[in-house]
Protein backbone atom coordinates (compact mmCIF):
# COMPACT_ATOMS: atom_id res chain seq x y z
CA MET A 1 0.00 0.00 0.00
CA ASN A 2 1.41 3.40 -0.91
CA ASP A 3 0.79 6.66 0.96
CA LYS A 4 -2.06 7.70 -1.39
CA GLU A 5 -4.07 4.58 -0.48
CA ARG A 6 -3.85 5.03 3.31
CA SER A 7 -6.79 6.48 5.17
CA THR A 8 -6.27 9.81 6.92
CA GLY A 9 -8.62 8.82 9.73
CA LEU A 10 -10.44 12.13 9.30
CA LEU A 11 -13.73 10.83 7.90
CA HIS A 12 -16.15 9.80 10.63
CA ALA A 13 -19.55 8.14 10.67
CA SER A 14 -22.10 10.82 11.45
CA ASP A 15 -24.73 8.54 12.99
CA GLU A 16 -24.33 9.87 16.54
CA LEU A 17 -24.48 13.53 15.55
CA ARG A 18 -27.26 12.97 13.00
CA LYS A 19 -29.38 11.19 15.63
CA LEU A 20 -28.88 14.06 18.11
CA LEU A 21 -29.83 16.65 15.47
CA ILE A 22 -32.95 14.73 14.37
CA GLU A 23 -34.10 14.11 17.95
CA ASN A 24 -33.41 17.71 19.01
CA PRO A 25 -34.08 19.92 15.97
CA GLY A 26 -34.46 23.12 17.99
CA LEU A 27 -31.21 22.87 19.94
CA PRO A 28 -28.23 25.01 19.00
CA LEU A 29 -24.93 23.40 18.10
CA LEU A 30 -21.87 24.23 20.22
CA VAL A 31 -18.40 23.11 19.11
CA PHE A 32 -15.32 22.95 21.33
CA ALA A 33 -11.89 22.38 19.82
CA GLY A 34 -9.14 20.90 21.97
CA GLN A 35 -5.62 22.22 22.33
CA GLU A 36 -4.27 19.83 19.73
CA ALA A 37 -6.96 20.69 17.18
CA THR A 38 -5.16 23.63 15.57
CA CYS A 39 -2.13 24.02 13.40
CA ASP A 40 -0.51 27.46 13.29
CA GLU A 41 0.35 27.10 9.61
CA TRP A 42 -3.23 26.70 8.33
CA TYR A 43 -6.47 28.65 8.62
CA TYR A 44 -8.44 25.49 9.36
CA SER A 45 -7.37 22.17 10.83
CA SER A 46 -8.95 18.75 10.41
CA CYS A 47 -9.70 16.81 13.56
CA SER A 48 -9.35 13.06 13.97
CA ARG A 49 -11.24 12.72 17.28
CA ILE A 50 -14.90 13.75 17.51
CA SER A 51 -17.66 13.20 20.05
CA ALA A 52 -21.15 14.66 20.33
CA SER A 53 -23.72 14.69 23.11
CA LYS A 54 -26.74 16.56 24.38
CA GLY A 55 -25.84 18.80 27.30
CA GLU A 56 -26.09 22.26 28.81
CA PHE A 57 -24.09 25.43 28.37
CA LEU A 58 -23.90 28.40 30.75
CA ASP A 59 -24.70 31.15 28.25
CA CYS A 60 -23.78 34.30 30.14
CA GLY A 61 -20.85 36.26 31.43
CA HIS A 62 -19.54 35.16 34.79
CA ARG A 63 -16.71 37.43 35.85
CA GLU A 64 -17.12 36.27 39.43
CA VAL A 65 -15.77 32.86 38.46
CA HIS A 66 -13.55 32.49 35.39
CA GLU A 67 -14.49 35.03 32.73
CA GLU A 68 -12.92 33.06 29.87
CA GLN A 69 -14.18 29.62 30.92
CA CYS A 70 -17.06 27.93 29.10
CA TYR A 71 -19.14 25.81 31.43
CA THR A 72 -21.03 22.70 30.35
CA ASP A 73 -21.10 21.12 33.81
CA ARG A 74 -23.08 22.58 36.69
CA ASP A 75 -20.93 20.89 39.33
CA ASP A 76 -17.75 22.40 37.88
CA PHE A 77 -19.36 25.83 37.85
CA GLU A 78 -20.57 25.48 41.44
CA GLU A 79 -17.13 24.36 42.61
CA ASP A 80 -15.42 27.29 40.86
CA LEU A 81 -18.01 29.74 42.18
CA TYR A 82 -17.52 28.36 45.69
CA ASN A 83 -13.73 28.60 45.46
CA ASN A 84 -13.61 32.07 43.87
CA LEU A 85 -16.01 33.98 46.08
CA ASP A 86 -14.81 32.88 49.50
CA ASP A 87 -12.19 35.64 49.87
CA LYS A 88 -14.82 38.32 49.18
CA PHE A 89 -17.32 37.02 51.75
CA ASN A 90 -17.47 37.89 55.45
CA GLY A 91 -19.66 35.55 57.42
CA THR A 92 -20.07 32.05 58.80
CA ASP A 93 -19.73 28.83 56.80
CA GLU A 94 -23.50 28.38 56.90
CA GLU A 95 -24.04 31.92 55.59
CA TYR A 96 -21.53 31.27 52.82
CA GLU A 97 -23.34 28.10 51.79
CA ALA A 98 -26.62 30.06 51.59
CA TYR A 99 -24.86 32.84 49.65
CA ILE A 100 -23.55 30.34 47.07
CA LYS A 101 -27.01 28.77 46.71
CA GLU A 102 -28.45 32.24 45.98
CA LYS A 103 -25.71 32.91 43.43
CA LEU A 104 -26.46 29.60 41.71
CA LYS A 105 -30.14 30.61 41.48
CA GLU A 106 -29.09 33.84 39.71
CA TYR A 107 -27.34 31.80 37.02
CA GLU A 108 -30.10 29.19 36.63
CA PRO A 109 -31.93 30.91 33.70
CA TYR A 110 -28.70 31.01 31.69
CA TRP A 111 -28.16 27.25 31.52
CA LYS A 112 -29.22 26.42 27.96
CA PRO A 113 -29.62 22.98 26.38
CA ALA A 114 -27.39 22.35 23.37
CA ILE A 115 -25.83 19.68 21.24
CA ILE A 116 -22.17 19.82 22.17
CA VAL A 117 -19.45 18.60 19.82
CA TYR A 118 -15.87 18.11 20.96
CA VAL A 119 -13.08 17.86 18.38
CA ASN A 120 -9.37 17.27 18.83
CA ASN A 121 -6.40 15.44 17.39
């Protein structure tokens, strides 16, 4: 077999993504590219690893936590919120727990369902 006959490994069956799109026609599509997904020499890079799932995305600014972070996991967001606000809070542990619960309620309307695609190499 010569190099021209070898597969690149870049073509993927689309059954998983197609099923998600058909079952959830109104959901937006969100794509995350991993650190190894880009090549500095090209405008676009192909990706050899792909996964898709239905999930949630926190669709709002959240300077109190990590402004640049994209959250698709509520537990991760709660943990980061808990860890980042403690130095700005004066009160008991019980009051801090209640404060975090109130903060989480403020963000609740911004959790949006989406089809999330992860690509990497």
